[in-house]
Amino acid sequence: MHPNLPEKRYYGIGEVSKAFGVNPSLIRFWEKEFDILSPKKNAKGNRKFTSDDIKKLQEIYLLVKERGFTLDGAKQQLKLKKKSGLDHHELILKLERIKNELIAIKENL
């Protein structure tokens, strides 16, 4: 999942939820469930997500929505990743980018 977000320092929850195709309530729920996700809040209490928060959301989305993990299973996967130091999510994103580039090259031939 590659959210189509412009380059900015902070993103609102509406922008983030639209980019991921989910309801804002799901983003708030994941914030409570996953301790790796902790967006900043302004004086009004509005969540402001950084690019690091977006990467963490991508990991959660990949595990829960695309790979079908339960919340507990996704939490265990994230803990294993933290222990091993391997960033499978980053590797998957790079491979998807390469695949898309190869498909584009093939179409141009």
N, C-alpha and C. Protein backbone atom coordinates (compact mmCIF):
# COMPACT_ATOMS: atom_id res chain seq x y z
N MET A 1 0.85 -1.18 0.00
CA MET A 1 0.00 0.00 0.00
C MET A 1 0.89 1.23 0.00
N HIS A 2 0.75 2.03 -1.02
CA HIS A 2 1.48 3.29 -1.12
C HIS A 2 0.48 4.42 -1.03
N PRO A 3 0.38 5.06 0.12
CA PRO A 3 -0.56 6.19 0.20
C PRO A 3 -0.08 7.34 -0.67
N ASN A 4 -0.99 7.93 -1.39
CA ASN A 4 -0.66 9.04 -2.28
C ASN A 4 -0.80 10.35 -1.50
N LEU A 5 0.26 10.72 -0.81
CA LEU A 5 0.25 11.93 0.00
C LEU A 5 1.31 12.89 -0.51
N PRO A 6 1.01 14.19 -0.52
CA PRO A 6 2.03 15.17 -0.93
C PRO A 6 3.11 15.27 0.14
N GLU A 7 4.27 15.77 -0.26
CA GLU A 7 5.36 15.95 0.69
C GLU A 7 5.04 17.10 1.63
N LYS A 8 4.80 16.76 2.88
CA LYS A 8 4.53 17.75 3.92
C LYS A 8 5.17 17.29 5.21
N ARG A 9 5.25 18.18 6.16
CA ARG A 9 5.80 17.81 7.46
C ARG A 9 4.76 17.06 8.29
N TYR A 10 3.52 17.55 8.28
CA TYR A 10 2.45 16.93 9.05
C TYR A 10 1.22 16.71 8.20
N TYR A 11 0.51 15.62 8.49
CA TYR A 11 -0.72 15.27 7.79
C TYR A 11 -1.84 15.14 8.81
N GLY A 12 -3.03 15.60 8.45
CA GLY A 12 -4.19 15.45 9.31
C GLY A 12 -4.76 14.05 9.19
N ILE A 13 -5.59 13.68 10.14
CA ILE A 13 -6.16 12.34 10.14
C ILE A 13 -7.07 12.13 8.93
N GLY A 14 -7.73 13.17 8.46
CA GLY A 14 -8.58 13.05 7.28
C GLY A 14 -7.77 12.70 6.04
N GLU A 15 -6.64 13.37 5.87
CA GLU A 15 -5.76 13.09 4.73
C GLU A 15 -5.24 11.66 4.79
N VAL A 16 -4.83 11.25 5.98
CA VAL A 16 -4.25 9.92 6.16
C VAL A 16 -5.29 8.84 5.91
N SER A 17 -6.47 9.03 6.48
CA SER A 17 -7.51 8.00 6.32
C SER A 17 -7.95 7.89 4.86
N LYS A 18 -8.01 9.02 4.16
CA LYS A 18 -8.39 9.00 2.74
C LYS A 18 -7.30 8.30 1.91
N ALA A 19 -6.04 8.56 2.24
CA ALA A 19 -4.93 7.94 1.50
C ALA A 19 -4.91 6.43 1.68
N PHE A 20 -5.29 5.95 2.86
CA PHE A 20 -5.31 4.51 3.13
C PHE A 20 -6.65 3.87 2.78
N GLY A 21 -7.65 4.69 2.51
CA GLY A 21 -8.95 4.16 2.16
C GLY A 21 -9.69 3.54 3.33
N VAL A 22 -9.49 4.10 4.52
CA VAL A 22 -10.16 3.60 5.72
C VAL A 22 -10.82 4.78 6.44
N ASN A 23 -11.64 4.46 7.42
CA ASN A 23 -12.28 5.51 8.22
C ASN A 23 -11.29 6.09 9.24
N PRO A 24 -11.45 7.37 9.59
CA PRO A 24 -10.58 7.95 10.62
C PRO A 24 -10.69 7.20 11.95
N SER A 25 -11.85 6.62 12.22
CA SER A 25 -12.00 5.88 13.48
C SER A 25 -11.07 4.67 13.53
N LEU A 26 -10.79 4.05 12.38
CA LEU A 26 -9.88 2.91 12.35
C LEU A 26 -8.45 3.37 12.67
N ILE A 27 -8.07 4.52 12.15
CA ILE A 27 -6.74 5.07 12.45
C ILE A 27 -6.62 5.35 13.95
N ARG A 28 -7.66 5.93 14.53
CA ARG A 28 -7.65 6.21 15.98
C ARG A 28 -7.59 4.90 16.77
N PHE A 29 -8.33 3.89 16.31
CA PHE A 29 -8.31 2.59 16.97
C PHE A 29 -6.92 1.97 16.93
N TRP A 30 -6.29 2.00 15.75
CA TRP A 30 -4.93 1.46 15.64
C TRP A 30 -3.96 2.22 16.52
N GLU A 31 -4.19 3.52 16.68
CA GLU A 31 -3.32 4.32 17.56
C GLU A 31 -3.39 3.79 18.99
N LYS A 32 -4.57 3.40 19.44
CA LYS A 32 -4.73 2.86 20.79
C LYS A 32 -4.15 1.46 20.91
N GLU A 33 -4.29 0.66 19.85
CA GLU A 33 -3.87 -0.74 19.90
C GLU A 33 -2.37 -0.95 19.71
N PHE A 34 -1.75 -0.16 18.86
CA PHE A 34 -0.34 -0.35 18.53
C PHE A 34 0.49 0.76 19.17
N ASP A 35 1.38 0.37 20.05
CA ASP A 35 2.18 1.36 20.77
C ASP A 35 3.24 2.03 19.90
N ILE A 36 3.52 1.48 18.73
CA ILE A 36 4.50 2.11 17.85
C ILE A 36 3.94 3.37 17.19
N LEU A 37 2.63 3.48 17.18
CA LEU A 37 1.96 4.59 16.52
C LEU A 37 1.57 5.64 17.55
N SER A 38 2.19 6.81 17.46
CA SER A 38 1.87 7.88 18.40
C SER A 38 2.02 9.24 17.72
N PRO A 39 1.00 9.65 16.97
CA PRO A 39 1.09 10.95 16.30
C PRO A 39 1.06 12.10 17.30
N LYS A 40 1.64 13.20 16.90
CA LYS A 40 1.61 14.40 17.74
C LYS A 40 0.20 14.97 17.73
N LYS A 41 -0.12 15.68 18.80
CA LYS A 41 -1.42 16.34 18.86
C LYS A 41 -1.19 17.82 19.12
N ASN A 42 -1.98 18.66 18.44
CA ASN A 42 -1.85 20.09 18.65
C ASN A 42 -2.66 20.51 19.87
N ALA A 43 -2.76 21.81 20.13
CA ALA A 43 -3.45 22.31 21.31
C ALA A 43 -4.93 21.92 21.33
N LYS A 44 -5.53 21.79 20.15
CA LYS A 44 -6.93 21.39 20.07
C LYS A 44 -7.12 19.89 20.23
N GLY A 45 -6.04 19.13 20.17
CA GLY A 45 -6.12 17.68 20.27
C GLY A 45 -6.19 16.99 18.91
N ASN A 46 -6.02 17.74 17.83
CA ASN A 46 -6.02 17.16 16.49
C ASN A 46 -4.72 16.40 16.26
N ARG A 47 -4.83 15.22 15.70
CA ARG A 47 -3.66 14.41 15.43
C ARG A 47 -2.91 14.95 14.21
N LYS A 48 -1.60 14.98 14.32
CA LYS A 48 -0.73 15.39 13.23
C LYS A 48 0.28 14.28 12.99
N PHE A 49 0.17 13.64 11.84
CA PHE A 49 1.01 12.49 11.51
C PHE A 49 2.24 12.94 10.73
N THR A 50 3.40 12.41 11.10
CA THR A 50 4.64 12.68 10.38
C THR A 50 4.85 11.57 9.35
N SER A 51 5.88 11.71 8.53
CA SER A 51 6.17 10.67 7.54
C SER A 51 6.55 9.36 8.23
N ASP A 52 7.18 9.43 9.41
CA ASP A 52 7.47 8.21 10.16
C ASP A 52 6.19 7.53 10.62
N ASP A 53 5.22 8.32 11.05
CA ASP A 53 3.92 7.76 11.44
C ASP A 53 3.25 7.08 10.24
N ILE A 54 3.40 7.67 9.07
CA ILE A 54 2.81 7.10 7.86
C ILE A 54 3.45 5.75 7.56
N LYS A 55 4.78 5.64 7.72
CA LYS A 55 5.47 4.38 7.49
C LYS A 55 4.98 3.31 8.47
N LYS A 56 4.78 3.71 9.71
CA LYS A 56 4.28 2.76 10.71
C LYS A 56 2.85 2.33 10.38
N LEU A 57 2.05 3.27 9.91
CA LEU A 57 0.69 2.93 9.49
C LEU A 57 0.71 1.97 8.30
N GLN A 58 1.66 2.17 7.40
CA GLN A 58 1.79 1.27 6.25
C GLN A 58 2.09 -0.15 6.72
N GLU A 59 2.96 -0.27 7.72
CA GLU A 59 3.28 -1.59 8.26
C GLU A 59 2.04 -2.24 8.86
N ILE A 60 1.30 -1.48 9.66
CA ILE A 60 0.09 -2.00 10.30
C ILE A 60 -0.93 -2.38 9.24
N TYR A 61 -1.12 -1.51 8.25
CA TYR A 61 -2.08 -1.77 7.18
C TYR A 61 -1.70 -3.05 6.42
N LEU A 62 -0.42 -3.18 6.11
CA LEU A 62 0.06 -4.36 5.39
C LEU A 62 -0.25 -5.64 6.16
N LEU A 63 0.04 -5.63 7.45
CA LEU A 63 -0.17 -6.82 8.26
C LEU A 63 -1.65 -7.14 8.44
N VAL A 64 -2.44 -6.12 8.79
CA VAL A 64 -3.83 -6.36 9.15
C VAL A 64 -4.73 -6.48 7.93
N LYS A 65 -4.64 -5.54 7.02
CA LYS A 65 -5.58 -5.50 5.89
C LYS A 65 -5.15 -6.38 4.72
N GLU A 66 -3.87 -6.36 4.37
CA GLU A 66 -3.42 -7.08 3.19
C GLU A 66 -3.03 -8.53 3.48
N ARG A 67 -2.37 -8.76 4.61
CA ARG A 67 -1.92 -10.11 4.91
C ARG A 67 -2.88 -10.85 5.83
N GLY A 68 -3.90 -10.17 6.38
CA GLY A 68 -4.95 -10.81 7.14
C GLY A 68 -4.59 -11.21 8.56
N PHE A 69 -3.59 -10.57 9.15
CA PHE A 69 -3.23 -10.86 10.53
C PHE A 69 -4.30 -10.34 11.48
N THR A 70 -4.46 -11.02 12.61
CA THR A 70 -5.28 -10.46 13.68
C THR A 70 -4.48 -9.35 14.34
N LEU A 71 -5.10 -8.57 15.20
CA LEU A 71 -4.37 -7.50 15.87
C LEU A 71 -3.23 -8.06 16.73
N ASP A 72 -3.52 -9.15 17.44
CA ASP A 72 -2.46 -9.77 18.26
C ASP A 72 -1.34 -10.32 17.39
N GLY A 73 -1.70 -10.93 16.27
CA GLY A 73 -0.68 -11.44 15.36
C GLY A 73 0.17 -10.34 14.78
N ALA A 74 -0.46 -9.22 14.43
CA ALA A 74 0.29 -8.08 13.89
C ALA A 74 1.23 -7.51 14.95
N LYS A 75 0.76 -7.45 16.19
CA LYS A 75 1.62 -6.95 17.27
C LYS A 75 2.83 -7.85 17.45
N GLN A 76 2.61 -9.17 17.38
CA GLN A 76 3.73 -10.12 17.51
C GLN A 76 4.72 -9.95 16.36
N GLN A 77 4.22 -9.76 15.15
CA GLN A 77 5.10 -9.56 14.00
C GLN A 77 5.95 -8.30 14.17
N LEU A 78 5.32 -7.24 14.66
CA LEU A 78 6.06 -5.99 14.87
C LEU A 78 7.12 -6.16 15.95
N LYS A 79 6.82 -6.95 16.99
CA LYS A 79 7.81 -7.21 18.04
C LYS A 79 8.97 -8.03 17.49
N LEU A 80 8.66 -9.04 16.66
CA LEU A 80 9.72 -9.84 16.05
C LEU A 80 10.62 -8.99 15.17
N LYS A 81 10.01 -8.08 14.43
CA LYS A 81 10.78 -7.19 13.56
C LYS A 81 11.71 -6.32 14.40
N LYS A 82 11.19 -5.85 15.52
CA LYS A 82 11.99 -4.99 16.40
C LYS A 82 13.16 -5.76 16.98
N LYS A 83 12.92 -7.03 17.38
CA LYS A 83 13.98 -7.85 17.96
C LYS A 83 15.04 -8.21 16.93
N SER A 84 14.59 -8.60 15.73
CA SER A 84 15.53 -9.06 14.72
C SER A 84 16.26 -7.91 14.03
N GLY A 85 15.65 -6.74 14.06
CA GLY A 85 16.27 -5.59 13.41
C GLY A 85 16.03 -5.55 11.91
N LEU A 86 15.32 -6.54 11.37
CA LEU A 86 15.03 -6.57 9.94
C LEU A 86 13.79 -5.75 9.66
N ASP A 87 13.84 -5.02 8.59
CA ASP A 87 12.69 -4.21 8.21
C ASP A 87 12.08 -4.81 6.95
N HIS A 88 11.24 -5.82 7.14
CA HIS A 88 10.61 -6.50 6.02
C HIS A 88 9.70 -5.56 5.24
N HIS A 89 9.06 -4.67 5.96
CA HIS A 89 8.13 -3.74 5.30
C HIS A 89 8.86 -2.86 4.31
N GLU A 90 10.01 -2.35 4.70
CA GLU A 90 10.80 -1.49 3.81
C GLU A 90 11.26 -2.28 2.59
N LEU A 91 11.64 -3.51 2.81
CA LEU A 91 12.05 -4.37 1.70
C LEU A 91 10.89 -4.62 0.74
N ILE A 92 9.71 -4.88 1.27
CA ILE A 92 8.53 -5.10 0.44
C ILE A 92 8.22 -3.86 -0.38
N LEU A 93 8.30 -2.69 0.24
CA LEU A 93 8.03 -1.44 -0.49
C LEU A 93 9.01 -1.25 -1.64
N LYS A 94 10.30 -1.54 -1.40
CA LYS A 94 11.30 -1.40 -2.45
C LYS A 94 11.04 -2.36 -3.60
N LEU A 95 10.69 -3.60 -3.26
CA LEU A 95 10.39 -4.59 -4.30
C LEU A 95 9.16 -4.20 -5.10
N GLU A 96 8.14 -3.63 -4.44
CA GLU A 96 6.95 -3.18 -5.16
C GLU A 96 7.29 -2.05 -6.13
N ARG A 97 8.16 -1.13 -5.69
CA ARG A 97 8.58 -0.03 -6.57
C ARG A 97 9.32 -0.57 -7.79
N ILE A 98 10.20 -1.53 -7.56
CA ILE A 98 10.95 -2.13 -8.67
C ILE A 98 10.00 -2.83 -9.62
N LYS A 99 9.05 -3.56 -9.07
CA LYS A 99 8.07 -4.26 -9.91
C LYS A 99 7.29 -3.28 -10.77
N ASN A 100 6.84 -2.18 -10.17
CA ASN A 100 6.08 -1.18 -10.92
C ASN A 100 6.92 -0.55 -12.03
N GLU A 101 8.20 -0.31 -11.73
CA GLU A 101 9.10 0.25 -12.75
C GLU A 101 9.29 -0.73 -13.90
N LEU A 102 9.46 -2.01 -13.58
CA LEU A 102 9.62 -3.03 -14.61
C LEU A 102 8.36 -3.17 -15.47
N ILE A 103 7.21 -3.09 -14.84
CA ILE A 103 5.95 -3.16 -15.60
C ILE A 103 5.84 -1.97 -16.54
N ALA A 104 6.23 -0.78 -16.05
CA ALA A 104 6.18 0.41 -16.90
C ALA A 104 7.13 0.27 -18.08
N ILE A 105 8.31 -0.28 -17.83
CA ILE A 105 9.28 -0.47 -18.92
C ILE A 105 8.72 -1.47 -19.94
N LYS A 106 8.12 -2.55 -19.45
CA LYS A 106 7.55 -3.57 -20.34
C LYS A 106 6.45 -2.98 -21.21
N GLU A 107 5.62 -2.13 -20.64
CA GLU A 107 4.53 -1.50 -21.40
C GLU A 107 5.05 -0.54 -22.47
N ASN A 108 6.20 0.07 -22.22
CA ASN A 108 6.78 1.00 -23.18
C ASN A 108 7.48 0.30 -24.34
N LEU A 109 7.74 -0.99 -24.19
CA LEU A 109 8.43 -1.73 -25.27
C LEU A 109 7.50 -2.04 -26.41
